[in-house]
Protein backbone atom coordinates (compact mmCIF):
# COMPACT_ATOMS: atom_id res chain seq x y z
CA MET A 1 0.69 -4.11 26.57
CA ASN A 2 -3.15 -3.61 26.95
CA LEU A 3 -3.87 -0.56 24.82
CA LYS A 4 -7.35 -0.18 26.31
CA ASP A 5 -5.64 0.94 29.42
CA TYR A 6 -4.48 4.13 27.53
CA ILE A 7 -8.06 5.07 26.49
CA GLU A 8 -10.09 7.23 28.91
CA ASN A 9 -13.88 7.17 28.76
CA THR A 10 -15.68 10.57 29.32
CA PRO A 11 -19.40 10.06 29.66
CA ASP A 12 -21.86 12.59 28.24
CA PHE A 13 -19.24 14.39 26.14
CA PRO A 14 -19.64 16.30 23.95
CA LYS A 15 -23.37 15.51 24.34
CA VAL A 16 -25.47 13.46 26.64
CA TRP A 17 -25.38 9.68 25.72
CA ILE A 18 -22.04 9.96 23.96
CA ASN A 19 -19.13 8.13 25.70
CA PHE A 20 -16.11 10.01 24.38
CA LYS A 21 -12.96 7.92 23.88
CA ASP A 22 -10.02 10.19 24.97
CA ILE A 23 -6.77 9.15 23.28
CA SER A 24 -4.62 11.70 25.25
CA PRO A 25 -3.14 9.05 27.64
CA LEU A 26 -2.16 6.89 24.62
CA LEU A 27 -0.45 9.89 22.97
CA ALA A 28 1.36 10.79 26.25
CA ASP A 29 3.02 7.43 26.42
CA PRO A 30 5.72 6.98 23.75
CA LYS A 31 5.76 3.21 24.06
CA ALA A 32 2.00 2.87 23.60
CA PHE A 33 2.09 5.27 20.65
CA GLU A 34 4.90 3.25 19.14
CA VAL A 35 2.93 0.00 19.52
CA VAL A 36 -0.07 1.70 17.80
CA ILE A 37 1.94 2.97 14.79
CA ASN A 38 3.87 -0.35 14.37
CA SER A 39 0.66 -2.28 14.51
CA LEU A 40 -1.15 -0.06 12.04
CA GLU A 41 1.86 -0.26 9.65
CA LEU A 42 1.64 -4.10 9.58
CA TRP A 43 -1.96 -3.91 8.27
CA LEU A 44 -1.39 -1.46 5.40
CA GLN A 45 -1.45 -3.16 2.00
CA SER A 46 1.20 -1.41 -0.10
CA PRO A 47 -0.47 2.03 -0.24
CA THR A 48 0.94 4.80 -2.38
CA LYS A 49 -0.51 7.49 -0.01
CA ILE A 50 -1.80 7.80 3.48
CA VAL A 51 -5.06 9.76 4.01
CA GLY A 52 -5.68 11.18 7.45
CA LEU A 53 -9.06 12.38 8.64
CA ASP A 54 -9.44 15.77 10.37
CA ALA A 55 -8.35 16.13 13.10
CA ARG A 56 -7.25 13.26 15.40
CA GLY A 57 -6.57 11.01 12.37
CA PHE A 58 -3.82 13.37 11.35
CA ILE A 59 -1.76 12.27 14.40
CA PHE A 60 -1.63 8.67 13.41
CA ALA A 61 -1.65 9.19 9.63
CA SER A 62 1.33 11.62 9.76
CA ALA A 63 3.41 9.17 11.94
CA LEU A 64 2.60 6.32 9.51
CA ALA A 65 3.35 8.41 6.47
CA TYR A 66 6.72 9.49 7.95
CA LYS A 67 7.58 5.93 9.00
CA MET A 68 6.65 4.41 5.62
CA TRP A 69 8.12 7.29 3.63
CA LEU A 70 4.77 7.95 1.90
CA PRO A 71 2.87 11.12 1.03
CA LEU A 72 0.32 12.35 3.54
CA VAL A 73 -3.10 13.59 2.26
CA MET A 74 -5.33 15.45 4.64
CA LEU A 75 -9.08 15.33 4.49
CA ARG A 76 -9.98 18.61 6.17
CA LYS A 77 -13.15 20.17 7.48
CA LYS A 78 -14.72 22.73 5.06
CA TRP A 79 -12.82 25.96 4.37
CA LYS A 80 -9.47 24.68 5.73
CA LEU A 81 -7.71 23.88 2.43
CA PRO A 82 -6.63 26.44 -0.15
CA GLY A 83 -6.92 25.89 -3.90
CA GLU A 84 -9.34 23.72 -5.87
CA THR A 85 -11.08 21.15 -3.63
CA GLU A 86 -13.70 18.42 -3.82
CA SER A 87 -16.16 18.13 -0.88
CA ILE A 88 -18.75 15.83 0.60
CA SER A 89 -21.11 16.28 3.46
CA TYR A 90 -21.87 13.50 5.94
CA ASP A 91 -23.64 12.82 9.23
CA LEU A 92 -21.88 12.16 12.41
CA GLU A 93 -23.25 10.81 15.71
CA TYR A 94 -24.24 14.30 16.81
CA TRP A 95 -24.08 16.69 13.86
CA THR A 96 -23.46 17.10 10.11
CA ASN A 97 -20.07 17.91 8.73
CA THR A 98 -18.15 18.36 5.45
CA PHE A 99 -14.92 16.99 4.37
CA GLU A 100 -12.69 18.56 1.59
CA ILE A 101 -9.68 17.18 -0.28
CA LYS A 102 -7.38 19.09 -2.67
CA LYS A 103 -8.24 17.72 -6.13
CA SER A 104 -4.58 17.35 -6.98
CA SER A 105 -3.73 15.23 -3.92
CA VAL A 106 -4.84 11.83 -5.23
CA TRP A 107 -4.70 10.36 -8.68
CA PRO A 108 -6.43 7.36 -10.36
CA TRP A 109 -3.41 5.16 -9.97
CA ASP A 110 -3.13 5.80 -6.16
CA LYS A 111 -3.91 3.09 -3.53
CA VAL A 112 -4.67 5.03 -0.35
CA ALA A 113 -4.86 3.82 3.21
CA ILE A 114 -7.38 5.84 5.25
CA VAL A 115 -6.36 6.49 8.88
CA ASP A 116 -8.45 7.74 11.73
CA ASP A 117 -8.50 7.52 15.49
CA LEU A 118 -12.01 6.09 15.78
CA LEU A 119 -14.50 3.98 13.79
CA ALA A 120 -17.88 4.70 15.33
CA THR A 121 -20.99 4.79 13.15
CA GLY A 122 -18.93 5.02 10.00
CA GLY A 123 -20.21 8.21 8.68
CA SER A 124 -16.94 10.00 8.37
CA VAL A 125 -15.10 6.90 6.97
CA LYS A 126 -17.82 6.43 4.33
CA ALA A 127 -17.56 10.09 3.29
CA ALA A 128 -13.81 9.73 3.06
CA ILE A 129 -14.12 6.59 0.88
CA ASP A 130 -16.74 8.25 -1.39
CA LEU A 131 -14.62 11.34 -1.74
CA ILE A 132 -11.42 9.51 -2.61
CA GLU A 133 -13.23 7.23 -5.03
CA ARG A 134 -14.92 10.28 -6.60
CA LEU A 135 -11.39 11.29 -7.61
CA TRP A 136 -10.88 7.78 -9.12
CA ALA A 137 -8.21 6.58 -6.51
CA LYS A 138 -8.58 3.25 -4.82
CA VAL A 139 -9.01 2.75 -1.11
CA SER A 140 -6.78 -0.13 -0.19
CA SER A 141 -7.70 -0.14 3.52
CA VAL A 142 -9.46 1.67 6.32
CA ASN A 143 -7.52 1.78 9.63
CA ALA A 144 -8.54 3.07 12.99
CA VAL A 145 -7.01 2.86 16.44
CA ILE A 146 -10.37 2.31 18.08
CA GLU A 147 -13.56 0.63 16.95
CA LEU A 148 -16.90 0.93 18.76
CA GLU A 149 -18.13 -2.49 17.89
CA ASP A 150 -21.65 -2.03 19.21
CA LEU A 151 -22.33 0.57 16.47
CA LYS A 152 -21.61 -2.04 13.76
CA ALA A 153 -20.07 0.34 11.25
CA ARG A 154 -18.21 -2.55 9.53
CA LYS A 155 -21.50 -3.62 7.86
CA LEU A 156 -21.27 -0.45 5.73
CA PHE A 157 -17.94 -1.55 4.19
CA ASN A 158 -18.34 -5.12 3.09
CA ASP A 159 -15.94 -4.69 0.17
CA LYS A 160 -13.23 -2.86 2.11
CA VAL A 161 -10.40 -4.02 4.34
CA ILE A 162 -11.16 -2.62 7.80
CA ASN A 163 -8.44 -2.79 10.49
CA CYS A 164 -9.01 -1.62 14.03
CA LEU A 165 -6.59 -2.05 16.84
CA ILE A 166 -8.65 -1.61 20.00
CA LYS A 167 -12.19 -2.93 20.17
CA CYS A 168 -14.49 -1.15 22.67
């Protein structure tokens, strides 16, 4: 199965010069979605928790957490989590954003697998790693469905295991 066939390109969205990768066709096909989840699961290195990035990362992270019977931790955009949180701001391809995590959601003994839909410039993933490590947990791997190879985000993460299923 060629998973690239399930990714639609939308030029100039949400801004001119951005080629948006739409995962809707992949999500609409149960077999393709199953292949993605099974493939991601094979890469995970005995995590104790799955961390999903807001918002499309939640789709894949929640399916993995359910399948692997592991806790799911959400990294949310600012003001979306109740209680005591830790936050970090980061730059995206086209704006600045802030992630928050509940302080009680990861512990120093945790090995977390970060899951997102896309690895592009690496800004959101770097912020996620920094935020998790600020709470003293260990990032065991970073996992994305799609990688935009031309943007060379991998070079930011020399010491991390990076797994990406579809290279674009």
